[in-house]
Protein backbone atom coordinates (compact mmCIF):
# COMPACT_ATOMS: atom_id res chain seq x y z
CA MET A 1 -6.99 -13.26 7.91
CA THR A 2 -5.59 -10.44 5.79
CA THR A 3 -2.59 -10.07 3.50
CA GLY A 4 -0.67 -6.83 3.29
CA ALA A 5 0.23 -6.26 -0.37
CA ILE A 6 2.94 -3.66 -0.99
CA LEU A 7 3.28 -2.48 -4.59
CA ALA A 8 6.87 -1.64 -5.54
CA GLY A 9 7.18 -2.48 -9.25
CA GLY A 10 7.32 1.04 -10.66
CA ARG A 11 10.40 2.53 -12.28
CA SER A 12 10.77 5.55 -9.90
CA THR A 13 11.49 7.78 -12.88
CA ARG A 14 10.92 11.01 -10.94
CA PHE A 15 13.24 9.90 -8.12
CA GLY A 16 16.40 9.90 -10.20
CA ASP A 17 18.82 7.02 -10.62
CA ALA A 18 17.64 5.09 -7.54
CA ASP A 19 14.75 2.85 -6.60
CA LYS A 20 12.57 4.87 -4.25
CA ALA A 21 11.23 1.68 -2.67
CA VAL A 22 14.51 1.23 -0.79
CA ALA A 23 15.43 4.91 -0.48
CA PRO A 24 15.84 5.86 3.18
CA VAL A 25 13.32 8.06 4.94
CA ALA A 26 14.92 9.19 8.22
CA GLY A 27 17.29 6.24 8.07
CA VAL A 28 14.72 3.55 7.25
CA PRO A 29 14.05 2.25 3.72
CA MET A 30 10.70 3.57 2.56
CA ILE A 31 9.21 0.13 1.88
CA ARG A 32 10.32 -0.96 5.34
CA ARG A 33 8.44 1.97 6.88
CA VAL A 34 5.29 0.84 5.06
CA ALA A 35 5.80 -2.76 6.20
CA ASP A 36 6.51 -1.71 9.79
CA ARG A 37 3.40 0.46 9.94
CA LEU A 38 1.29 -2.50 8.81
CA ALA A 39 2.98 -4.58 11.52
CA GLY A 40 2.70 -1.95 14.26
CA THR A 41 6.47 -1.60 14.70
CA ASP A 42 7.27 1.74 13.05
CA ASP A 43 8.07 5.05 14.68
CA PRO A 44 5.09 6.80 16.34
CA VAL A 45 4.44 9.17 13.44
CA PRO A 46 0.90 10.38 12.71
CA PRO A 47 -1.60 9.65 11.39
CA GLY A 48 -2.37 6.51 13.36
CA ALA A 49 0.80 6.85 15.43
CA ASP A 50 -0.37 4.58 18.25
CA ARG A 51 -1.35 1.76 15.90
CA ALA A 52 1.79 2.24 13.80
CA SER A 53 4.06 1.92 16.82
CA GLY A 54 3.23 -0.70 19.42
CA GLY A 55 -0.23 -1.52 18.07
CA ASP A 56 -1.62 -4.77 16.76
CA PRO A 57 -0.64 -5.69 13.20
CA VAL A 58 -3.22 -4.84 10.55
CA VAL A 59 -2.23 -7.86 8.44
CA ASP A 60 -1.04 -11.42 8.96
CA GLU A 61 1.55 -11.59 6.19
CA LEU A 62 3.20 -9.38 3.60
CA VAL A 63 3.25 -9.90 -0.16
CA VAL A 64 5.65 -7.67 -2.05
CA ASN A 65 4.97 -6.98 -5.71
CA CYS A 66 8.08 -5.92 -7.61
CA ARG A 67 10.19 -6.65 -10.66
CA PRO A 68 12.63 -9.55 -10.41
CA ASP A 69 15.62 -7.18 -10.55
CA GLN A 70 14.34 -5.35 -7.45
CA ARG A 71 13.95 -8.40 -5.27
CA GLU A 72 17.44 -8.57 -3.77
CA ALA A 73 17.51 -4.95 -2.60
CA ILE A 74 13.97 -5.07 -1.27
CA ALA A 75 14.64 -8.34 0.52
CA GLU A 76 17.59 -6.69 2.24
CA ALA A 77 15.42 -3.72 3.22
CA LEU A 78 12.84 -6.11 4.70
CA SER A 79 15.32 -8.43 6.40
CA ARG A 80 14.14 -9.41 9.88
CA ALA A 81 10.75 -7.87 9.19
CA PRO A 82 8.21 -8.71 11.89
CA LEU A 83 5.88 -10.45 9.42
CA THR A 84 6.40 -13.24 6.91
CA VAL A 85 7.31 -11.81 3.51
CA ARG A 86 6.21 -13.49 0.29
CA TRP A 87 6.79 -12.36 -3.31
CA ALA A 88 4.60 -11.55 -6.28
CA LEU A 89 7.07 -10.83 -9.06
CA ASP A 90 6.17 -9.02 -12.26
CA GLU A 91 7.36 -11.54 -14.79
CA GLU A 92 6.10 -9.11 -17.43
CA PRO A 93 7.19 -5.71 -16.03
CA ASP A 94 5.88 -2.23 -16.72
CA LEU A 95 2.18 -3.09 -16.95
CA GLY A 96 1.43 -0.66 -14.12
CA PRO A 97 -0.27 -0.95 -10.75
CA LEU A 98 -3.24 -2.87 -12.18
CA ALA A 99 -0.97 -5.82 -12.94
CA GLY A 100 0.74 -5.32 -9.59
CA ILE A 101 -2.57 -5.59 -7.76
CA ARG A 102 -3.47 -8.67 -9.80
CA ASN A 103 -0.17 -10.39 -9.05
CA ALA A 104 -0.34 -9.55 -5.36
CA CYS A 105 -3.88 -10.81 -5.06
CA ARG A 106 -2.93 -14.04 -6.79
CA ALA A 107 -0.01 -14.52 -4.39
CA ALA A 108 -2.00 -13.71 -1.25
CA THR A 109 -2.99 -16.62 0.95
CA ASP A 110 -5.83 -14.73 2.60
CA ARG A 111 -9.26 -13.74 1.38
CA TYR A 112 -8.57 -10.01 1.61
CA ALA A 113 -5.57 -7.91 0.66
CA VAL A 114 -4.74 -4.53 2.09
CA VAL A 115 -2.99 -2.89 -0.86
CA VAL A 116 -0.52 -0.07 -0.23
CA ALA A 117 2.02 1.55 -2.54
CA CYS A 118 5.61 1.40 -1.34
CA ASP A 119 5.94 5.19 -1.51
CA MET A 120 3.32 5.89 1.20
CA PRO A 121 5.45 6.07 4.38
CA PHE A 122 2.68 7.69 6.43
CA VAL A 123 -0.02 5.11 5.74
CA ASP A 124 -2.43 5.04 8.69
CA PRO A 125 -2.87 1.44 9.92
CA SER A 126 -6.01 2.34 11.86
CA PHE A 127 -7.58 3.62 8.66
CA LEU A 128 -6.64 0.42 6.87
CA ALA A 129 -8.30 -1.58 9.64
CA ALA A 130 -11.50 0.43 9.09
CA LEU A 131 -11.32 -0.25 5.34
CA ARG A 132 -10.85 -3.93 6.05
CA GLU A 133 -14.07 -4.00 8.06
CA LEU A 134 -15.95 -2.25 5.24
CA ALA A 135 -14.62 -4.70 2.67
CA ALA A 136 -15.95 -7.62 4.71
CA GLU A 137 -19.55 -6.41 4.65
CA PRO A 138 -22.01 -8.63 2.75
CA GLY A 139 -21.88 -8.18 -1.01
CA VAL A 140 -18.76 -5.99 -0.91
CA GLU A 141 -15.58 -6.96 -2.75
CA ALA A 142 -13.52 -3.80 -2.28
CA ALA A 143 -13.31 -0.72 -0.07
CA VAL A 144 -11.77 2.18 -1.99
CA PRO A 145 -11.24 5.69 -0.59
CA ARG A 146 -12.13 8.70 -2.72
CA LEU A 147 -10.26 11.76 -1.48
CA ASP A 148 -11.98 15.11 -1.89
CA ASP A 149 -14.79 13.06 -3.48
CA ARG A 150 -12.71 13.18 -6.67
CA TRP A 151 -9.57 11.09 -6.45
CA TYR A 152 -9.84 7.32 -6.06
CA GLN A 153 -7.01 6.01 -3.87
CA THR A 154 -6.76 2.61 -5.50
CA THR A 155 -3.29 1.93 -4.13
CA GLN A 156 -4.40 2.38 -0.54
CA ALA A 157 -7.47 0.20 -0.50
CA VAL A 158 -8.73 -3.25 0.52
CA TYR A 159 -9.72 -5.87 -2.03
CA GLU A 160 -11.21 -9.35 -1.89
CA THR A 161 -8.43 -11.21 -3.64
CA THR A 162 -10.14 -13.64 -6.03
CA PRO A 163 -12.76 -11.37 -7.62
CA THR A 164 -10.24 -8.55 -7.79
CA ALA A 165 -7.60 -10.65 -9.53
CA ASP A 166 -10.24 -11.90 -11.97
CA ALA A 167 -11.37 -8.31 -12.71
CA CYS A 168 -7.74 -7.27 -13.25
CA ASP A 169 -7.27 -10.12 -15.70
CA ARG A 170 -10.34 -9.08 -17.68
CA ALA A 171 -9.16 -5.47 -17.87
CA LEU A 172 -5.64 -6.47 -18.94
CA ASP A 173 -7.05 -8.87 -21.55
CA ARG A 174 -8.93 -5.86 -23.00
CA GLY A 175 -5.70 -3.90 -23.09
CA ASP A 176 -6.92 -1.53 -20.36
CA ARG A 177 -4.26 -0.86 -17.72
CA LYS A 178 -6.21 1.68 -15.64
CA VAL A 179 -6.91 0.48 -12.11
CA LEU A 180 -10.38 1.99 -12.28
CA ALA A 181 -11.14 -0.44 -15.09
CA MET A 182 -10.94 -3.13 -12.42
CA VAL A 183 -12.71 -1.15 -9.71
CA ASP A 184 -15.69 -0.61 -12.01
CA ARG A 185 -16.10 -4.38 -12.25
CA VAL A 186 -16.04 -5.37 -8.60
CA ASN A 187 -18.69 -4.62 -6.00
CA GLU A 188 -16.90 -1.76 -4.31
CA THR A 189 -17.90 0.47 -1.47
CA VAL A 190 -16.52 3.96 -1.98
CA VAL A 191 -15.29 5.69 1.17
CA ASP A 192 -16.10 9.34 0.65
CA ASP A 193 -14.13 12.37 1.80
CA ALA A 194 -16.22 12.98 4.93
CA ALA A 195 -15.71 9.38 6.03
CA ILE A 196 -11.98 9.55 5.30
CA ARG A 197 -11.55 12.68 7.39
CA SER A 198 -13.55 11.20 10.27
CA LEU A 199 -11.04 8.34 10.41
CA THR A 200 -7.67 9.83 9.45
CA THR A 201 -5.99 12.74 7.65
CA ASP A 202 -5.04 13.05 4.01
CA ARG A 203 -1.40 12.57 5.00
CA THR A 204 -2.05 8.83 4.90
CA PHE A 205 -2.14 9.13 1.08
CA THR A 206 1.12 11.11 0.78
CA ASN A 207 3.23 9.78 -2.08
CA VAL A 208 7.00 10.23 -2.13
CA ASN A 209 7.86 10.49 -5.83
CA THR A 210 10.85 12.86 -5.82
CA ARG A 211 13.89 13.48 -3.68
CA ALA A 212 12.40 16.79 -2.57
CA GLU A 213 9.29 14.95 -1.35
CA ARG A 214 11.54 12.46 0.44
CA ASP A 215 13.30 15.34 2.19
CA GLU A 216 9.92 16.72 3.23
CA ALA A 217 8.91 13.32 4.58
CA GLN A 218 12.13 13.12 6.58
CA ARG A 219 11.38 16.50 8.14
CA ALA A 220 7.89 15.29 9.05
CA VAL A 221 9.30 12.18 10.77
CA ALA A 222 11.86 14.27 12.63
CA ALA A 223 9.20 16.74 13.74
CA ALA A 224 6.94 13.95 15.00
CA LEU A 225 9.72 12.23 16.92
CA GLY A 226 10.96 15.52 18.33
CA ALA A 227 7.49 16.15 19.74
CA GLU A 228 7.56 12.99 21.85
């Protein structure tokens, strides 16, 4: 059993005066695209188009991490979602993704959490399934991609919930809000660049931080659907 944890508690400062989590990408709120890809009910957009549209769900439930003031709009965006949605609210906001991961892991009912940022509308569900298998290997508590063998993708990774939440707590207690402060204290397997590219493309990690990037994402969706 696996929980899908979507992180949406950021302030979207580069997106303007709107919450990017619920900003539409080709007519669908961005967080809903992430949720639908985890459930296998999104548009057939690569990478992982077959699994994203009409494939088996990668997770059994969704936990959404956000601030309390975001909940109403996000709940509307996720209304009639194909998976049960639960909430991990940031009662103390603005502590960053480390606290978001901690809160989501505490709220998860499953042993493992597939963590994805809300601004990754092209997340590859097949890649997440491969990470989930790696995380379940003996002695492993996390499977974390490292793109170009340089950049840890900590907000598209799989974590064993209890040891990860404990490691987050220890880092936050030290006043360290960097996600790598937690990763350094769990038994992680690092998925290197060659392994990433054998399983997916780097588009799975695309972040939509600005309106220009949202426009580019909309063009990519339109191009993929026009190629059907």
